[in-house]
C-alpha atoms as a PDB file:
ATOM      1  CA  MET A   1      10.247  13.080 -12.949  1.00  0.00           C
ATOM      2  CA  ALA A   2      13.474  10.565 -14.542  1.00  0.00           C
ATOM      3  CA  GLU A   3      13.890   6.855 -13.470  1.00  0.00           C
ATOM      4  CA  VAL A   4      17.619   6.113 -12.545  1.00  0.00           C
ATOM      5  CA  SER A   5      19.389   3.707 -11.941  1.00  0.00           C
ATOM      6  CA  ILE A   6      20.685   3.813  -7.936  1.00  0.00           C
ATOM      7  CA  HIS A   7      24.362   3.714  -9.172  1.00  0.00           C
ATOM      8  CA  LYS A   8      23.732   7.358 -10.049  1.00  0.00           C
ATOM      9  CA  VAL A   9      21.824   8.811  -7.600  1.00  0.00           C
ATOM     10  CA  THR A  10      23.395  11.485  -5.928  1.00  0.00           C
ATOM     11  CA  PRO A  11      22.940  12.926  -2.176  1.00  0.00           C
ATOM     12  CA  GLY A  12      20.463  15.245  -2.494  1.00  0.00           C
ATOM     13  CA  SER A  13      18.214  13.907  -5.190  1.00  0.00           C
ATOM     14  CA  ILE A  14      14.527  14.186  -4.290  1.00  0.00           C
ATOM     15  CA  LEU A  15      12.621  11.107  -4.856  1.00  0.00           C
ATOM     16  CA  ALA A  16       9.414  11.762  -6.924  1.00  0.00           C
ATOM     17  CA  GLY A  17       7.456   8.352  -5.538  1.00  0.00           C
ATOM     18  CA  ASP A  18       7.585   6.169  -3.153  1.00  0.00           C
ATOM     19  CA  VAL A  19      10.502   3.580  -2.260  1.00  0.00           C
ATOM     20  CA  ARG A  20       8.936   0.344  -2.489  1.00  0.00           C
ATOM     21  CA  LEU A  21      10.604  -3.419  -1.580  1.00  0.00           C
ATOM     22  CA  PRO A  22       8.387  -5.827  -3.830  1.00  0.00           C
ATOM     23  CA  GLY A  23       5.792  -6.917  -1.522  1.00  0.00           C
ATOM     24  CA  GLY A  24       5.228  -3.497  -1.358  1.00  0.00           C
ATOM     25  CA  ALA A  25       6.582  -1.675   2.035  1.00  0.00           C
ATOM     26  CA  ILE A  26       7.394   1.019   1.835  1.00  0.00           C
ATOM     27  CA  LEU A  27      11.472   1.968   2.221  1.00  0.00           C
ATOM     28  CA  VAL A  28      11.676   5.452   1.388  1.00  0.00           C
ATOM     29  CA  ARG A  29       8.811   7.880   0.778  1.00  0.00           C
ATOM     30  CA  GLU A  30       8.102  10.269  -2.134  1.00  0.00           C
ATOM     31  CA  GLY A  31       9.579  13.821  -1.727  1.00  0.00           C
ATOM     32  CA  VAL A  32      12.573  13.135   0.860  1.00  0.00           C
ATOM     33  CA  ALA A  33      15.728  14.336  -0.206  1.00  0.00           C
ATOM     34  CA  LEU A  34      17.595  11.099  -0.532  1.00  0.00           C
ATOM     35  CA  THR A  35      20.881  11.062   1.782  1.00  0.00           C
ATOM     36  CA  ASP A  36      23.871   9.022   1.359  1.00  0.00           C
ATOM     37  CA  ARG A  37      23.118   6.860   4.055  1.00  0.00           C
ATOM     38  CA  GLN A  38      19.783   6.291   2.411  1.00  0.00           C
ATOM     39  CA  ILE A  39      21.502   6.066  -0.978  1.00  0.00           C
ATOM     40  CA  THR A  40      23.837   2.705   0.070  1.00  0.00           C
ATOM     41  CA  PHE A  41      20.126   1.366   1.829  1.00  0.00           C
ATOM     42  CA  LEU A  42      18.819   0.722  -1.332  1.00  0.00           C
ATOM     43  CA  LYS A  43      21.827  -0.511  -2.969  1.00  0.00           C
ATOM     44  CA  HIS A  44      21.697  -2.773   0.198  1.00  0.00           C
ATOM     45  CA  SER A  45      17.957  -3.698  -0.055  1.00  0.00           C
ATOM     46  CA  SER A  46      18.786  -4.862  -4.059  1.00  0.00           C
ATOM     47  CA  ILE A  47      16.806  -1.102  -5.341  1.00  0.00           C
ATOM     48  CA  THR A  48      17.845  -1.160  -8.930  1.00  0.00           C
ATOM     49  CA  THR A  49      15.959   2.146 -10.088  1.00  0.00           C
ATOM     50  CA  VAL A  50      14.302   5.309  -8.373  1.00  0.00           C
ATOM     51  CA  PHE A  51      12.270   8.143  -9.282  1.00  0.00           C
ATOM     52  CA  ILE A  52      13.619  11.492  -9.283  1.00  0.00           C
ATOM     53  CA  GLN A  53      11.991  14.933  -9.708  1.00  0.00           C
ATOM     54  CA  ASP A  54      13.183  16.503 -12.668  1.00  0.00           C
ATOM     55  CA  GLN A  55      12.706  19.706 -15.376  1.00  0.00           C
ATOM     56  CA  LEU A  56      12.270  17.557 -18.305  1.00  0.00           C
ATOM     57  CA  GLY A  57      12.438  21.041 -20.058  1.00  0.00           C
ATOM     58  CA  GLU A  58      12.819  22.052 -23.855  1.00  0.00           C
ATOM     59  CA  GLY A  59      15.896  20.398 -24.929  1.00  0.00           C
ATOM     60  CA  ALA A  60      16.080  17.531 -22.392  1.00  0.00           C
ATOM     61  CA  SER A  61      16.063  14.127 -23.458  1.00  0.00           C
ATOM     62  CA  ALA A  62      12.599  12.106 -23.536  1.00  0.00           C
ATOM     63  CA  GLU A  63      14.338   8.788 -23.578  1.00  0.00           C
ATOM     64  CA  VAL A  64      16.506   7.310 -20.578  1.00  0.00           C
ATOM     65  CA  SER A  65      19.867   6.400 -19.705  1.00  0.00           C
ATOM     66  CA  ASP A  66      21.341   3.122 -22.465  1.00  0.00           C
ATOM     67  CA  ALA A  67      22.183   1.243 -18.088  1.00  0.00           C
ATOM     68  CA  VAL A  68      18.774   2.266 -17.533  1.00  0.00           C
ATOM     69  CA  TYR A  69      16.860   0.917 -20.756  1.00  0.00           C
ATOM     70  CA  ALA A  70      19.151  -2.257 -20.573  1.00  0.00           C
ATOM     71  CA  GLU A  71      17.909  -2.860 -16.916  1.00  0.00           C
ATOM     72  CA  ARG A  72      14.584  -2.393 -17.846  1.00  0.00           C
ATOM     73  CA  CYS A  73      14.691  -5.005 -20.669  1.00  0.00           C
ATOM     74  CA  GLY A  74      16.985  -7.448 -18.187  1.00  0.00           C
ATOM     75  CA  ARG A  75      13.856  -7.367 -15.878  1.00  0.00           C
ATOM     76  CA  LEU A  76      10.965  -7.322 -19.009  1.00  0.00           C
ATOM     77  CA  GLU A  77      12.595  -9.967 -20.580  1.00  0.00           C
ATOM     78  CA  GLU A  78      12.611 -11.730 -16.387  1.00  0.00           C
ATOM     79  CA  MET A  79       9.433 -11.180 -15.787  1.00  0.00           C
ATOM     80  CA  PHE A  80       8.413 -13.079 -19.373  1.00  0.00           C
ATOM     81  CA  GLU A  81      10.616 -15.767 -19.522  1.00  0.00           C
ATOM     82  CA  PRO A  82       7.521 -18.285 -18.073  1.00  0.00           C
ATOM     83  CA  VAL A  83       5.427 -17.314 -20.716  1.00  0.00           C
ATOM     84  CA  GLN A  84       8.451 -17.194 -23.262  1.00  0.00           C
ATOM     85  CA  ASP A  85       6.891 -19.870 -26.364  1.00  0.00           C
ATOM     86  CA  ALA A  86       3.022 -18.404 -25.999  1.00  0.00           C
ATOM     87  CA  PRO A  87       3.525 -16.158 -29.599  1.00  0.00           C
ATOM     88  CA  HIS A  88       0.641 -13.712 -28.075  1.00  0.00           C
ATOM     89  CA  MET A  89       2.913 -12.815 -24.601  1.00  0.00           C
ATOM     90  CA  ALA A  90       5.807 -12.195 -27.188  1.00  0.00           C
ATOM     91  CA  ALA A  91       3.776  -9.423 -28.920  1.00  0.00           C
ATOM     92  CA  ILE A  92       3.253  -7.906 -26.043  1.00  0.00           C
ATOM     93  CA  ARG A  93       7.092  -8.177 -24.272  1.00  0.00           C
ATOM     94  CA  ASP A  94       7.638  -6.431 -27.533  1.00  0.00           C
ATOM     95  CA  ALA A  95       5.360  -3.939 -27.420  1.00  0.00           C
ATOM     96  CA  ALA A  96       6.077  -3.109 -24.196  1.00  0.00           C
ATOM     97  CA  ARG A  97      10.576  -3.247 -25.023  1.00  0.00           C
ATOM     98  CA  THR A  98       9.402  -0.348 -27.091  1.00  0.00           C
ATOM     99  CA  ARG A  99       8.034   1.905 -24.543  1.00  0.00           C
ATOM    100  CA  LEU A 100      10.884   1.192 -21.813  1.00  0.00           C
ATOM    101  CA  ARG A 101      13.315   3.783 -23.968  1.00  0.00           C
ATOM    102  CA  LEU A 102      10.984   6.443 -22.366  1.00  0.00           C
ATOM    103  CA  ARG A 103      11.844   8.441 -19.672  1.00  0.00           C
ATOM    104  CA  ARG A 104       8.101   8.063 -18.615  1.00  0.00           C
ATOM    105  CA  PRO A 105       6.574   4.626 -20.436  1.00  0.00           C
ATOM    106  CA  TRP A 106       3.133   4.884 -18.779  1.00  0.00           C
ATOM    107  CA  GLU A 107       2.437   8.058 -21.379  1.00  0.00           C
END
């Protein structure tokens, strides 16, 4: 699975995970092949990235694009803004930032 900017998703891309609103409500379920209409709906719902099924095979990059990385870092900075003066939180933020470059940062 790859995290892809909603602006780079193409019709027919198959979701590798549910797309949810911040409150947890599901907008589109995992396994759906996206249509133009659904992609437009997600953009208007302020969804910035989605997880798309892919085959991360031999020779494929294990890293995300610069645009996805920048978007992830922006979200990370927003989350840590309230605690930016706490040294231990800065260390956690910096550690998380190194993982954001990976396609699958949780692995």
